[in-house]
Amino acid sequence: MKTNVFILLIATFLISLSVQGQRASGVRIGYIDMEYILENVPEYQEASSQLDEKVARWKGEIETKLEEVSAMKKQLDNERALLTKELIEERDEEIAFERDQILEYQQKRFGPGGDLAIQRRQLVEPVQDQVFNAVQEISAAKKFDLVFDKSSDLMMLYTADRLNISDQVLRSITRAAKRNQINNKKEERDFDIDEAKTVEQDKATQERQRAIEAKKSEREAALEARNKERNAQKAERQAAFEERRKKLLEERKRKKDSITAVREAKAASRNSGTPTLDKKTGDALSAKEAALEARKRRKDSIIAVRKAKRDSIIEARKRKANPSQADGEDGGGI
C-alpha cells in the first residue's frame, strides 16, 4: 500500500512538472470526498441500511451458535465425572466440530471474499461509476488536470475548499437520477430550471429546504407535545370524574342497603317477635323510630291545641246564642 502511494505521488509530481512546462498558468487540481458523496446519495443510503440489517442478522446467528457451543461445553464440564473417556472424547469432538462450523460461517460472511465484502462492493460500484463519469464531465468542462479522492489511501496534508468539487459531482449524480424520472413536460421544465442553477444556488436552495424542514419538524414536535398535554389533561379530568361518580354510586348503595336492612329487620321482628337487628341496624332503627315518635307527638300536640281552641270557640258561640240558659246554668251551679 505504501509503495502504491509512493508511486502515485511520483506520478503526480511528474505530471505537474510536465503540465507546468506546457502551461504558464499552472496545474488545475481538484479533489472529491467519496465518503461525503456516498452519505448524500439516497439510493446508496437505503441499500446500505438493508445491508446493515443483514450484517446484524448474521452477527446474531453467530452469537446464538457461540452460546450453544458454550452451553455444550458447560454441560460437558458438569457431567465429565460421570462420563467415560470415550464419551468425553466424542463430546469434545462434537464441540470442536461446532466451533469449526462457526469459524467457517464467519469467513463466509465476513471474510476477505465473503458476502459482506462482495455485497459492499456491489453496493458501491454503481455510485463509483456515476462519480467517475461526473468527474470526467466536470474535469473536461472546468479544465482540471488532476482530481484526487480525499477519502482514499492517498494522504492529503492540506486541501483548500475551493478545490473541492464533491458538491458538483453530487449535483451531477442527482440531476442524472432526476432526468431519468421525468414523466411529463412540467417536470421537464422544472428540471431545466434546476439545471440552470449554479452550485452556489443549489446550496442556497438546499439550505432553505433544510431550514423549512427543520421548522416543520419543530412545529410537528410542538403540536405533538400540545396534543400529549391535552390528552393528559383530558385523561386526568376523566379519572377525576370517574372517581367522583364511583364515590356517589357507593354512597347511594350504602343508603339503599341501609334502608333495605332496616325494612328487612322490621319485617323479621314483626314475624318472629324477637329482635334480630345487629347493633348498627338497631341504632339506625331506634333513631328512625325516635324521629317518627317525636313527629307523632308534635302532630298530636298540634291536633290537641287545635281541638281545644275549636271547642272554646264553639262554647263561646253557644253562650252568646243562649245567654239565659247560660245564666241559669250558672245560677244552678251556685
C-alpha atoms as a PDB file:
ATOM      1  CA  MET A   1       0.000   0.000   0.000  1.00  0.00           C
ATOM      2  CA  LYS A   2       2.814   2.417   0.871  1.00  0.00           C
ATOM      3  CA  THR A   3       4.508   1.525  -2.427  1.00  0.00           C
ATOM      4  CA  ASN A   4       1.339   2.387  -4.362  1.00  0.00           C
ATOM      5  CA  VAL A   5       1.051   5.723  -2.611  1.00  0.00           C
ATOM      6  CA  PHE A   6       4.673   6.496  -3.283  1.00  0.00           C
ATOM      7  CA  ILE A   7       4.298   5.657  -6.976  1.00  0.00           C
ATOM      8  CA  LEU A   8       1.158   7.799  -7.168  1.00  0.00           C
ATOM      9  CA  LEU A   9       2.958  10.727  -5.599  1.00  0.00           C
ATOM     10  CA  ILE A  10       5.858  10.395  -8.049  1.00  0.00           C
ATOM     11  CA  ALA A  11       3.411  10.210 -10.974  1.00  0.00           C
ATOM     12  CA  THR A  12       1.601  13.286  -9.703  1.00  0.00           C
ATOM     13  CA  PHE A  13       4.877  15.166  -9.358  1.00  0.00           C
ATOM     14  CA  LEU A  14       5.984  14.230 -12.877  1.00  0.00           C
ATOM     15  CA  ILE A  15       2.599  15.196 -14.355  1.00  0.00           C
ATOM     16  CA  SER A  16       2.757  18.500 -12.517  1.00  0.00           C
ATOM     17  CA  LEU A  17       6.197  19.218 -13.921  1.00  0.00           C
ATOM     18  CA  SER A  18       5.048  18.265 -17.402  1.00  0.00           C
ATOM     19  CA  VAL A  19       1.958  20.433 -17.264  1.00  0.00           C
ATOM     20  CA  GLN A  20       3.907  23.318 -15.773  1.00  0.00           C
ATOM     21  CA  GLY A  21       6.199  23.095 -18.726  1.00  0.00           C
ATOM     22  CA  GLN A  22       3.228  23.315 -21.084  1.00  0.00           C
ATOM     23  CA  ARG A  23       1.148  25.919 -19.270  1.00  0.00           C
ATOM     24  CA  ALA A  24       2.410  29.038 -17.724  1.00  0.00           C
ATOM     25  CA  SER A  25      -0.740  29.396 -15.662  1.00  0.00           C
ATOM     26  CA  GLY A  26      -0.046  26.234 -13.625  1.00  0.00           C
ATOM     27  CA  VAL A  27      -1.869  22.951 -12.991  1.00  0.00           C
ATOM     28  CA  ARG A  28      -5.566  22.915 -12.177  1.00  0.00           C
ATOM     29  CA  ILE A  29      -6.161  20.387  -9.397  1.00  0.00           C
ATOM     30  CA  GLY A  30      -9.381  19.352  -7.706  1.00  0.00           C
ATOM     31  CA  TYR A  31     -10.452  16.682  -5.247  1.00  0.00           C
ATOM     32  CA  ILE A  32     -13.570  14.851  -4.138  1.00  0.00           C
ATOM     33  CA  ASP A  33     -14.648  13.282  -0.849  1.00  0.00           C
ATOM     34  CA  MET A  34     -16.132   9.897  -1.731  1.00  0.00           C
ATOM     35  CA  GLU A  35     -17.476   9.343   1.791  1.00  0.00           C
ATOM     36  CA  TYR A  36     -19.331  12.663   1.673  1.00  0.00           C
ATOM     37  CA  ILE A  37     -20.818  11.788  -1.723  1.00  0.00           C
ATOM     38  CA  LEU A  38     -21.955   8.334  -0.569  1.00  0.00           C
ATOM     39  CA  GLU A  39     -23.583   9.826   2.529  1.00  0.00           C
ATOM     40  CA  ASN A  40     -25.685  12.096   0.312  1.00  0.00           C
ATOM     41  CA  VAL A  41     -26.840   9.575  -2.298  1.00  0.00           C
ATOM     42  CA  PRO A  42     -30.289   8.322  -1.143  1.00  0.00           C
ATOM     43  CA  GLU A  43     -30.134   5.079  -3.123  1.00  0.00           C
ATOM     44  CA  TYR A  44     -26.802   4.166  -1.554  1.00  0.00           C
ATOM     45  CA  GLN A  45     -28.023   5.006   1.943  1.00  0.00           C
ATOM     46  CA  GLU A  46     -31.149   2.864   1.538  1.00  0.00           C
ATOM     47  CA  ALA A  47     -29.178  -0.106   0.193  1.00  0.00           C
ATOM     48  CA  SER A  48     -26.545   0.387   2.910  1.00  0.00           C
ATOM     49  CA  SER A  49     -29.257   0.257   5.600  1.00  0.00           C
ATOM     50  CA  GLN A  50     -30.556  -3.005   4.163  1.00  0.00           C
ATOM     51  CA  LEU A  51     -27.037  -4.424   4.157  1.00  0.00           C
ATOM     52  CA  ASP A  52     -26.563  -3.309   7.787  1.00  0.00           C
ATOM     53  CA  GLU A  53     -29.708  -5.235   8.704  1.00  0.00           C
ATOM     54  CA  LYS A  54     -28.259  -8.337   7.044  1.00  0.00           C
ATOM     55  CA  VAL A  55     -24.987  -7.887   8.927  1.00  0.00           C
ATOM     56  CA  ALA A  56     -26.852  -7.579  12.222  1.00  0.00           C
ATOM     57  CA  ARG A  57     -28.774 -10.769  11.419  1.00  0.00           C
ATOM     58  CA  TRP A  58     -25.549 -12.628  10.546  1.00  0.00           C
ATOM     59  CA  LYS A  59     -23.911 -11.481  13.779  1.00  0.00           C
ATOM     60  CA  GLY A  60     -26.967 -12.597  15.729  1.00  0.00           C
ATOM     61  CA  GLU A  61     -26.760 -16.061  14.168  1.00  0.00           C
ATOM     62  CA  ILE A  62     -23.076 -16.317  15.107  1.00  0.00           C
ATOM     63  CA  GLU A  63     -23.749 -15.198  18.695  1.00  0.00           C
ATOM     64  CA  THR A  64     -26.527 -17.769  19.010  1.00  0.00           C
ATOM     65  CA  LYS A  65     -24.230 -20.543  17.781  1.00  0.00           C
ATOM     66  CA  LEU A  66     -21.480 -19.434  20.180  1.00  0.00           C
ATOM     67  CA  GLU A  67     -23.944 -19.513  23.085  1.00  0.00           C
ATOM     68  CA  GLU A  68     -24.997 -23.034  22.103  1.00  0.00           C
ATOM     69  CA  VAL A  69     -21.370 -24.200  21.984  1.00  0.00           C
ATOM     70  CA  SER A  70     -20.719 -22.535  25.346  1.00  0.00           C
ATOM     71  CA  ALA A  71     -23.728 -24.354  26.817  1.00  0.00           C
ATOM     72  CA  MET A  72     -22.461 -27.655  25.400  1.00  0.00           C
ATOM     73  CA  LYS A  73     -19.025 -27.023  26.950  1.00  0.00           C
ATOM     74  CA  LYS A  74     -20.552 -26.128  30.323  1.00  0.00           C
ATOM     75  CA  GLN A  75     -22.754 -29.229  30.289  1.00  0.00           C
ATOM     76  CA  LEU A  76     -19.757 -31.402  29.473  1.00  0.00           C
ATOM     77  CA  ASP A  77     -17.766 -29.906  32.358  1.00  0.00           C
ATOM     78  CA  ASN A  78     -20.638 -30.620  34.744  1.00  0.00           C
ATOM     79  CA  GLU A  79     -21.041 -34.215  33.539  1.00  0.00           C
ATOM     80  CA  ARG A  80     -17.370 -35.026  32.956  1.00  0.00           C
ATOM     81  CA  ALA A  81     -17.029 -37.013  36.195  1.00  0.00           C
ATOM     82  CA  LEU A  82     -19.941 -39.262  35.207  1.00  0.00           C
ATOM     83  CA  LEU A  83     -18.853 -39.974  31.626  1.00  0.00           C
ATOM     84  CA  THR A  84     -16.438 -42.500  30.232  1.00  0.00           C
ATOM     85  CA  LYS A  85     -13.316 -41.468  28.389  1.00  0.00           C
ATOM     86  CA  GLU A  86     -14.848 -42.414  25.033  1.00  0.00           C
ATOM     87  CA  LEU A  87     -17.962 -40.312  25.656  1.00  0.00           C
ATOM     88  CA  ILE A  88     -15.858 -37.342  26.758  1.00  0.00           C
ATOM     89  CA  GLU A  89     -13.750 -37.546  23.592  1.00  0.00           C
ATOM     90  CA  GLU A  90     -16.900 -37.827  21.476  1.00  0.00           C
ATOM     91  CA  ARG A  91     -18.435 -34.751  23.114  1.00  0.00           C
ATOM     92  CA  ASP A  92     -15.142 -32.812  22.707  1.00  0.00           C
ATOM     93  CA  GLU A  93     -15.087 -33.697  19.018  1.00  0.00           C
ATOM     94  CA  GLU A  94     -18.683 -32.506  18.663  1.00  0.00           C
ATOM     95  CA  ILE A  95     -17.858 -29.196  20.339  1.00  0.00           C
ATOM     96  CA  ALA A  96     -14.755 -28.752  18.171  1.00  0.00           C
ATOM     97  CA  PHE A  97     -16.820 -29.507  15.062  1.00  0.00           C
ATOM     98  CA  GLU A  98     -19.402 -26.877  16.014  1.00  0.00           C
ATOM     99  CA  ARG A  99     -16.650 -24.312  16.597  1.00  0.00           C
ATOM    100  CA  ASP A 100     -15.157 -25.068  13.191  1.00  0.00           C
ATOM    101  CA  GLN A 101     -18.604 -24.586  11.645  1.00  0.00           C
ATOM    102  CA  ILE A 102     -18.894 -21.191  13.315  1.00  0.00           C
ATOM    103  CA  LEU A 103     -15.449 -20.107  12.065  1.00  0.00           C
ATOM    104  CA  GLU A 104     -16.345 -21.281   8.570  1.00  0.00           C
ATOM    105  CA  TYR A 105     -19.601 -19.322   8.702  1.00  0.00           C
ATOM    106  CA  GLN A 106     -17.752 -16.219   9.908  1.00  0.00           C
ATOM    107  CA  GLN A 107     -15.336 -16.476   6.969  1.00  0.00           C
ATOM    108  CA  LYS A 108     -18.243 -16.987   4.591  1.00  0.00           C
ATOM    109  CA  ARG A 109     -19.996 -13.863   5.800  1.00  0.00           C
ATOM    110  CA  PHE A 110     -17.187 -11.543   6.943  1.00  0.00           C
ATOM    111  CA  GLY A 111     -14.020 -12.919   5.343  1.00  0.00           C
ATOM    112  CA  PRO A 112     -11.995 -11.076   2.651  1.00  0.00           C
ATOM    113  CA  GLY A 113     -14.032 -12.718  -0.104  1.00  0.00           C
ATOM    114  CA  GLY A 114     -17.171 -13.116   1.992  1.00  0.00           C
ATOM    115  CA  ASP A 115     -20.729 -11.992   1.442  1.00  0.00           C
ATOM    116  CA  LEU A 116     -20.203  -8.656   3.198  1.00  0.00           C
ATOM    117  CA  ALA A 117     -17.237  -7.667   1.028  1.00  0.00           C
ATOM    118  CA  ILE A 118     -19.000  -8.788  -2.153  1.00  0.00           C
ATOM    119  CA  GLN A 119     -22.268  -7.002  -1.389  1.00  0.00           C
ATOM    120  CA  ARG A 120     -20.436  -3.895  -0.179  1.00  0.00           C
ATOM    121  CA  ARG A 121     -18.529  -3.804  -3.462  1.00  0.00           C
ATOM    122  CA  GLN A 122     -21.728  -4.365  -5.432  1.00  0.00           C
ATOM    123  CA  LEU A 123     -23.310  -1.554  -3.467  1.00  0.00           C
ATOM    124  CA  VAL A 124     -20.507   0.935  -4.064  1.00  0.00           C
ATOM    125  CA  GLU A 125     -19.638   0.138  -7.664  1.00  0.00           C
ATOM    126  CA  PRO A 126     -22.718   1.790  -9.288  1.00  0.00           C
ATOM    127  CA  VAL A 127     -22.106   5.001  -7.326  1.00  0.00           C
ATOM    128  CA  GLN A 128     -18.408   4.869  -8.122  1.00  0.00           C
ATOM    129  CA  ASP A 129     -19.237   4.589 -11.826  1.00  0.00           C
ATOM    130  CA  GLN A 130     -21.527   7.608 -11.567  1.00  0.00           C
ATOM    131  CA  VAL A 131     -18.841   9.541  -9.688  1.00  0.00           C
ATOM    132  CA  PHE A 132     -16.240   8.614 -12.290  1.00  0.00           C
ATOM    133  CA  ASN A 133     -18.473   9.796 -15.141  1.00  0.00           C
ATOM    134  CA  ALA A 134     -19.335  13.003 -13.285  1.00  0.00           C
ATOM    135  CA  VAL A 135     -15.664  13.689 -12.564  1.00  0.00           C
ATOM    136  CA  GLN A 136     -14.835  13.181 -16.241  1.00  0.00           C
ATOM    137  CA  GLU A 137     -17.530  15.661 -17.317  1.00  0.00           C
ATOM    138  CA  ILE A 138     -16.622  18.259 -14.714  1.00  0.00           C
ATOM    139  CA  SER A 139     -12.883  17.933 -15.374  1.00  0.00           C
ATOM    140  CA  ALA A 140     -13.444  18.427 -19.095  1.00  0.00           C
ATOM    141  CA  ALA A 141     -15.726  21.406 -18.540  1.00  0.00           C
ATOM    142  CA  LYS A 142     -13.611  23.067 -15.825  1.00  0.00           C
ATOM    143  CA  LYS A 143     -10.283  22.007 -17.402  1.00  0.00           C
ATOM    144  CA  PHE A 144      -8.951  20.204 -14.320  1.00  0.00           C
ATOM    145  CA  ASP A 145      -5.625  18.435 -14.800  1.00  0.00           C
ATOM    146  CA  LEU A 146      -5.806  16.244 -11.674  1.00  0.00           C
ATOM    147  CA  VAL A 147      -8.654  15.131  -9.387  1.00  0.00           C
ATOM    148  CA  PHE A 148      -7.929  13.194  -6.183  1.00  0.00           C
ATOM    149  CA  ASP A 149     -10.158  11.305  -3.746  1.00  0.00           C
ATOM    150  CA  LYS A 150      -9.723  12.744  -0.275  1.00  0.00           C
ATOM    151  CA  SER A 151     -11.116   9.599   1.403  1.00  0.00           C
ATOM    152  CA  SER A 152      -8.652   7.248  -0.333  1.00  0.00           C
ATOM    153  CA  ASP A 153      -5.330   5.982   0.986  1.00  0.00           C
ATOM    154  CA  LEU A 154      -3.610   8.993  -0.535  1.00  0.00           C
ATOM    155  CA  MET A 155      -2.618  11.250   2.372  1.00  0.00           C
ATOM    156  CA  MET A 156      -3.528  14.878   1.712  1.00  0.00           C
ATOM    157  CA  LEU A 157      -1.906  17.188   4.224  1.00  0.00           C
ATOM    158  CA  TYR A 158      -3.891  20.238   3.174  1.00  0.00           C
ATOM    159  CA  THR A 159      -6.969  20.758   0.993  1.00  0.00           C
ATOM    160  CA  ALA A 160      -8.474  24.103   0.046  1.00  0.00           C
ATOM    161  CA  ASP A 161     -12.269  24.201  -0.040  1.00  0.00           C
ATOM    162  CA  ARG A 162     -12.225  25.967  -3.411  1.00  0.00           C
ATOM    163  CA  LEU A 163     -10.656  22.840  -4.925  1.00  0.00           C
ATOM    164  CA  ASN A 164     -13.382  20.544  -3.545  1.00  0.00           C
ATOM    165  CA  ILE A 165     -15.725  19.505  -6.360  1.00  0.00           C
ATOM    166  CA  SER A 166     -17.684  16.937  -4.312  1.00  0.00           C
ATOM    167  CA  ASP A 167     -20.836  19.060  -4.403  1.00  0.00           C
ATOM    168  CA  GLN A 168     -20.554  19.405  -8.152  1.00  0.00           C
ATOM    169  CA  VAL A 169     -20.195  15.639  -8.539  1.00  0.00           C
ATOM    170  CA  LEU A 170     -23.105  15.010  -6.209  1.00  0.00           C
ATOM    171  CA  ARG A 171     -25.170  17.574  -8.107  1.00  0.00           C
ATOM    172  CA  SER A 172     -24.377  15.840 -11.390  1.00  0.00           C
ATOM    173  CA  ILE A 173     -25.393  12.421  -9.997  1.00  0.00           C
ATOM    174  CA  THR A 174     -28.616  13.798  -8.510  1.00  0.00           C
ATOM    175  CA  ARG A 175     -29.595  15.534 -11.728  1.00  0.00           C
ATOM    176  CA  ALA A 176     -28.900  12.389 -13.751  1.00  0.00           C
ATOM    177  CA  ALA A 177     -31.267  10.476 -11.476  1.00  0.00           C
ATOM    178  CA  LYS A 178     -33.911  13.203 -11.800  1.00  0.00           C
ATOM    179  CA  ARG A 179     -33.520  13.222 -15.582  1.00  0.00           C
ATOM    180  CA  ASN A 180     -34.410   9.516 -15.659  1.00  0.00           C
ATOM    181  CA  GLN A 181     -37.546  10.157 -13.587  1.00  0.00           C
ATOM    182  CA  ILE A 182     -39.094  12.833 -15.844  1.00  0.00           C
ATOM    183  CA  ASN A 183     -42.623  11.790 -16.883  1.00  0.00           C
ATOM    184  CA  ASN A 184     -44.217  14.944 -18.310  1.00  0.00           C
ATOM    185  CA  LYS A 185     -43.440  18.378 -19.727  1.00  0.00           C
ATOM    186  CA  LYS A 186     -43.958  20.185 -16.430  1.00  0.00           C
ATOM    187  CA  GLU A 187     -41.327  18.026 -14.741  1.00  0.00           C
ATOM    188  CA  GLU A 188     -39.066  18.641 -17.748  1.00  0.00           C
ATOM    189  CA  ARG A 189     -39.470  22.427 -17.390  1.00  0.00           C
ATOM    190  CA  ASP A 190     -38.765  22.209 -13.668  1.00  0.00           C
ATOM    191  CA  PHE A 191     -35.688  20.142 -14.420  1.00  0.00           C
ATOM    192  CA  ASP A 192     -34.439  22.687 -16.948  1.00  0.00           C
ATOM    193  CA  ILE A 193     -34.862  25.467 -14.389  1.00  0.00           C
ATOM    194  CA  ASP A 194     -32.985  23.414 -11.822  1.00  0.00           C
ATOM    195  CA  GLU A 195     -30.323  22.564 -14.398  1.00  0.00           C
ATOM    196  CA  ALA A 196     -29.626  26.262 -14.958  1.00  0.00           C
ATOM    197  CA  LYS A 197     -28.773  26.816 -11.282  1.00  0.00           C
ATOM    198  CA  THR A 198     -25.181  27.042 -10.153  1.00  0.00           C
ATOM    199  CA  VAL A 199     -23.657  25.024  -7.340  1.00  0.00           C
ATOM    200  CA  GLU A 200     -23.948  28.000  -5.015  1.00  0.00           C
ATOM    201  CA  GLN A 201     -27.613  28.428  -5.876  1.00  0.00           C
ATOM    202  CA  ASP A 202     -28.165  24.723  -5.297  1.00  0.00           C
ATOM    203  CA  LYS A 203     -26.517  25.013  -1.904  1.00  0.00           C
ATOM    204  CA  ALA A 204     -28.673  28.006  -1.004  1.00  0.00           C
ATOM    205  CA  THR A 205     -31.798  26.125  -2.118  1.00  0.00           C
ATOM    206  CA  GLN A 206     -30.823  23.070  -0.109  1.00  0.00           C
ATOM    207  CA  GLU A 207     -30.119  25.192   2.952  1.00  0.00           C
ATOM    208  CA  ARG A 208     -33.507  26.879   2.636  1.00  0.00           C
ATOM    209  CA  GLN A 209     -35.157  23.486   2.219  1.00  0.00           C
ATOM    210  CA  ARG A 210     -33.363  22.159   5.286  1.00  0.00           C
ATOM    211  CA  ALA A 211     -34.431  25.235   7.251  1.00  0.00           C
ATOM    212  CA  ILE A 212     -38.044  24.723   6.138  1.00  0.00           C
ATOM    213  CA  GLU A 213     -37.903  21.056   7.100  1.00  0.00           C
ATOM    214  CA  ALA A 214     -36.350  21.959  10.466  1.00  0.00           C
ATOM    215  CA  LYS A 215     -39.131  24.457  11.187  1.00  0.00           C
ATOM    216  CA  LYS A 216     -41.702  21.906  10.073  1.00  0.00           C
ATOM    217  CA  SER A 217     -40.196  19.346  12.424  1.00  0.00           C
ATOM    218  CA  GLU A 218     -40.251  21.889  15.262  1.00  0.00           C
ATOM    219  CA  ARG A 219     -43.913  22.667  14.569  1.00  0.00           C
ATOM    220  CA  GLU A 220     -44.788  18.993  14.458  1.00  0.00           C
ATOM    221  CA  ALA A 221     -42.903  18.390  17.701  1.00  0.00           C
ATOM    222  CA  ALA A 222     -44.670  21.332  19.389  1.00  0.00           C
ATOM    223  CA  LEU A 223     -48.036  20.128  18.093  1.00  0.00           C
ATOM    224  CA  GLU A 224     -47.359  16.634  19.335  1.00  0.00           C
ATOM    225  CA  ALA A 225     -46.343  18.000  22.746  1.00  0.00           C
ATOM    226  CA  ARG A 226     -49.541  20.056  22.941  1.00  0.00           C
ATOM    227  CA  ASN A 227     -51.618  17.051  21.947  1.00  0.00           C
ATOM    228  CA  LYS A 228     -49.925  14.947  24.613  1.00  0.00           C
ATOM    229  CA  GLU A 229     -50.544  17.621  27.232  1.00  0.00           C
ATOM    230  CA  ARG A 230     -54.162  17.999  26.125  1.00  0.00           C
ATOM    231  CA  ASN A 231     -54.689  14.249  26.213  1.00  0.00           C
ATOM    232  CA  ALA A 232     -53.081  14.043  29.642  1.00  0.00           C
ATOM    233  CA  GLN A 233     -55.378  16.778  30.988  1.00  0.00           C
ATOM    234  CA  LYS A 234     -58.387  15.080  29.422  1.00  0.00           C
ATOM    235  CA  ALA A 235     -57.397  11.763  30.969  1.00  0.00           C
ATOM    236  CA  GLU A 236     -56.913  13.456  34.339  1.00  0.00           C
ATOM    237  CA  ARG A 237     -60.365  15.078  34.178  1.00  0.00           C
ATOM    238  CA  GLN A 238     -61.915  11.793  33.120  1.00  0.00           C
ATOM    239  CA  ALA A 239     -60.219   9.998  36.004  1.00  0.00           C
ATOM    240  CA  ALA A 240     -61.462  12.628  38.479  1.00  0.00           C
ATOM    241  CA  PHE A 241     -64.995  12.343  37.064  1.00  0.00           C
ATOM    242  CA  GLU A 242     -64.914   8.555  37.332  1.00  0.00           C
ATOM    243  CA  GLU A 243     -63.684   8.823  40.924  1.00  0.00           C
ATOM    244  CA  ARG A 244     -66.500  11.216  41.880  1.00  0.00           C
ATOM    245  CA  ARG A 245     -69.043   9.021  40.103  1.00  0.00           C
ATOM    246  CA  LYS A 246     -67.733   5.946  41.894  1.00  0.00           C
ATOM    247  CA  LYS A 247     -67.980   7.630  45.289  1.00  0.00           C
ATOM    248  CA  LEU A 248     -71.522   8.847  44.536  1.00  0.00           C
ATOM    249  CA  LEU A 249     -72.641   5.379  43.473  1.00  0.00           C
ATOM    250  CA  GLU A 250     -71.074   3.850  46.581  1.00  0.00           C
ATOM    251  CA  GLU A 251     -72.832   6.398  48.796  1.00  0.00           C
ATOM    252  CA  ARG A 252     -76.165   5.697  47.124  1.00  0.00           C
ATOM    253  CA  LYS A 253     -75.635   1.976  47.503  1.00  0.00           C
ATOM    254  CA  ARG A 254     -74.832   2.350  51.212  1.00  0.00           C
ATOM    255  CA  LYS A 255     -78.011   4.356  51.781  1.00  0.00           C
ATOM    256  CA  LYS A 256     -80.081   1.887  49.799  1.00  0.00           C
ATOM    257  CA  ASP A 257     -78.553  -1.056  51.650  1.00  0.00           C
ATOM    258  CA  SER A 258     -79.183   0.672  54.994  1.00  0.00           C
ATOM    259  CA  ILE A 259     -82.856   1.282  54.189  1.00  0.00           C
ATOM    260  CA  THR A 260     -83.248  -2.250  52.901  1.00  0.00           C
ATOM    261  CA  ALA A 261     -81.607  -3.627  56.047  1.00  0.00           C
ATOM    262  CA  VAL A 262     -83.943  -1.584  58.272  1.00  0.00           C
ATOM    263  CA  ARG A 263     -87.011  -2.790  56.399  1.00  0.00           C
ATOM    264  CA  GLU A 264     -85.877  -6.363  56.463  1.00  0.00           C
ATOM    265  CA  ALA A 265     -85.128  -6.094  60.186  1.00  0.00           C
ATOM    266  CA  LYS A 266     -88.598  -4.659  60.870  1.00  0.00           C
ATOM    267  CA  ALA A 267     -90.246  -7.392  58.862  1.00  0.00           C
ATOM    268  CA  ALA A 268     -88.213 -10.063  60.635  1.00  0.00           C
ATOM    269  CA  SER A 269     -89.025  -8.518  64.009  1.00  0.00           C
ATOM    270  CA  ARG A 270     -92.748  -8.477  63.280  1.00  0.00           C
ATOM    271  CA  ASN A 271     -92.759 -12.034  62.017  1.00  0.00           C
ATOM    272  CA  SER A 272     -90.652 -13.580  64.766  1.00  0.00           C
ATOM    273  CA  GLY A 273     -91.487 -11.285  67.642  1.00  0.00           C
ATOM    274  CA  THR A 274     -87.846 -11.209  68.632  1.00  0.00           C
ATOM    275  CA  PRO A 275     -85.300  -8.593  67.691  1.00  0.00           C
ATOM    276  CA  THR A 276     -82.889  -9.747  65.028  1.00  0.00           C
ATOM    277  CA  LEU A 277     -81.075  -6.486  64.460  1.00  0.00           C
ATOM    278  CA  ASP A 278     -77.387  -6.056  64.865  1.00  0.00           C
ATOM    279  CA  LYS A 279     -76.084  -3.004  66.713  1.00  0.00           C
ATOM    280  CA  LYS A 280     -75.629  -0.820  63.635  1.00  0.00           C
ATOM    281  CA  THR A 281     -79.023  -1.682  62.178  1.00  0.00           C
ATOM    282  CA  GLY A 282     -80.605  -1.401  65.637  1.00  0.00           C
ATOM    283  CA  ASP A 283     -79.193   2.052  66.155  1.00  0.00           C
ATOM    284  CA  ALA A 284     -80.457   3.127  62.755  1.00  0.00           C
ATOM    285  CA  LEU A 285     -83.897   1.696  63.554  1.00  0.00           C
ATOM    286  CA  SER A 286     -84.001   3.337  67.002  1.00  0.00           C
ATOM    287  CA  ALA A 287     -83.060   6.708  65.551  1.00  0.00           C
ATOM    288  CA  LYS A 288     -85.727   6.413  62.893  1.00  0.00           C
ATOM    289  CA  GLU A 289     -88.373   5.292  65.411  1.00  0.00           C
ATOM    290  CA  ALA A 290     -87.435   8.133  67.772  1.00  0.00           C
ATOM    291  CA  ALA A 291     -87.815  10.603  64.909  1.00  0.00           C
ATOM    292  CA  LEU A 292     -91.213   9.118  63.999  1.00  0.00           C
ATOM    293  CA  GLU A 293     -92.323   9.199  67.670  1.00  0.00           C
ATOM    294  CA  ALA A 294     -91.266  12.835  68.059  1.00  0.00           C
ATOM    295  CA  ARG A 295     -93.081  13.722  64.839  1.00  0.00           C
ATOM    296  CA  LYS A 296     -96.215  11.901  66.130  1.00  0.00           C
ATOM    297  CA  ARG A 297     -96.089  13.742  69.482  1.00  0.00           C
ATOM    298  CA  ARG A 298     -95.773  17.101  67.702  1.00  0.00           C
ATOM    299  CA  LYS A 299     -98.683  16.217  65.489  1.00  0.00           C
ATOM    300  CA  ASP A 300    -100.826  15.076  68.457  1.00  0.00           C
ATOM    301  CA  SER A 301     -99.955  18.246  70.360  1.00  0.00           C
ATOM    302  CA  ILE A 302    -100.918  20.421  67.410  1.00  0.00           C
ATOM    303  CA  ILE A 303    -104.180  18.498  66.997  1.00  0.00           C
ATOM    304  CA  ALA A 304    -104.950  18.820  70.720  1.00  0.00           C
ATOM    305  CA  VAL A 305    -104.312  22.560  70.677  1.00  0.00           C
ATOM    306  CA  ARG A 306    -106.469  22.989  67.592  1.00  0.00           C
ATOM    307  CA  LYS A 307    -109.276  20.865  69.183  1.00  0.00           C
ATOM    308  CA  ALA A 308    -109.195  22.836  72.434  1.00  0.00           C
ATOM    309  CA  LYS A 309    -109.292  26.100  70.519  1.00  0.00           C
ATOM    310  CA  ARG A 310    -112.155  24.871  68.374  1.00  0.00           C
ATOM    311  CA  ASP A 311    -114.123  23.663  71.451  1.00  0.00           C
ATOM    312  CA  SER A 312    -113.565  27.028  73.163  1.00  0.00           C
ATOM    313  CA  ILE A 313    -114.895  28.877  70.108  1.00  0.00           C
ATOM    314  CA  ILE A 314    -117.939  26.609  69.876  1.00  0.00           C
ATOM    315  CA  GLU A 315    -118.684  27.037  73.579  1.00  0.00           C
ATOM    316  CA  ALA A 316    -118.417  30.810  73.305  1.00  0.00           C
ATOM    317  CA  ARG A 317    -120.806  30.829  70.358  1.00  0.00           C
ATOM    318  CA  LYS A 318    -123.333  28.723  72.320  1.00  0.00           C
ATOM    319  CA  ARG A 319    -123.251  31.086  75.276  1.00  0.00           C
ATOM    320  CA  LYS A 320    -123.698  34.059  73.015  1.00  0.00           C
ATOM    321  CA  ALA A 321    -126.711  32.437  71.331  1.00  0.00           C
ATOM    322  CA  ASN A 322    -128.447  31.408  74.634  1.00  0.00           C
ATOM    323  CA  PRO A 323    -127.451  33.842  77.366  1.00  0.00           C
ATOM    324  CA  SER A 324    -130.428  32.939  79.690  1.00  0.00           C
ATOM    325  CA  GLN A 325    -129.590  29.306  79.518  1.00  0.00           C
ATOM    326  CA  ALA A 326    -126.039  30.150  80.219  1.00  0.00           C
ATOM    327  CA  ASP A 327    -127.132  32.263  83.297  1.00  0.00           C
ATOM    328  CA  GLY A 328    -129.431  29.511  84.527  1.00  0.00           C
ATOM    329  CA  GLU A 329    -126.745  27.079  84.289  1.00  0.00           C
ATOM    330  CA  ASP A 330    -124.508  29.463  86.192  1.00  0.00           C
ATOM    331  CA  GLY A 331    -127.253  30.059  88.865  1.00  0.00           C
ATOM    332  CA  GLY A 332    -127.956  26.414  89.243  1.00  0.00           C
ATOM    333  CA  GLY A 333    -124.440  25.990  89.801  1.00  0.00           C
ATOM    334  CA  ILE A 334    -124.472  28.409  92.734  1.00  0.00           C
END
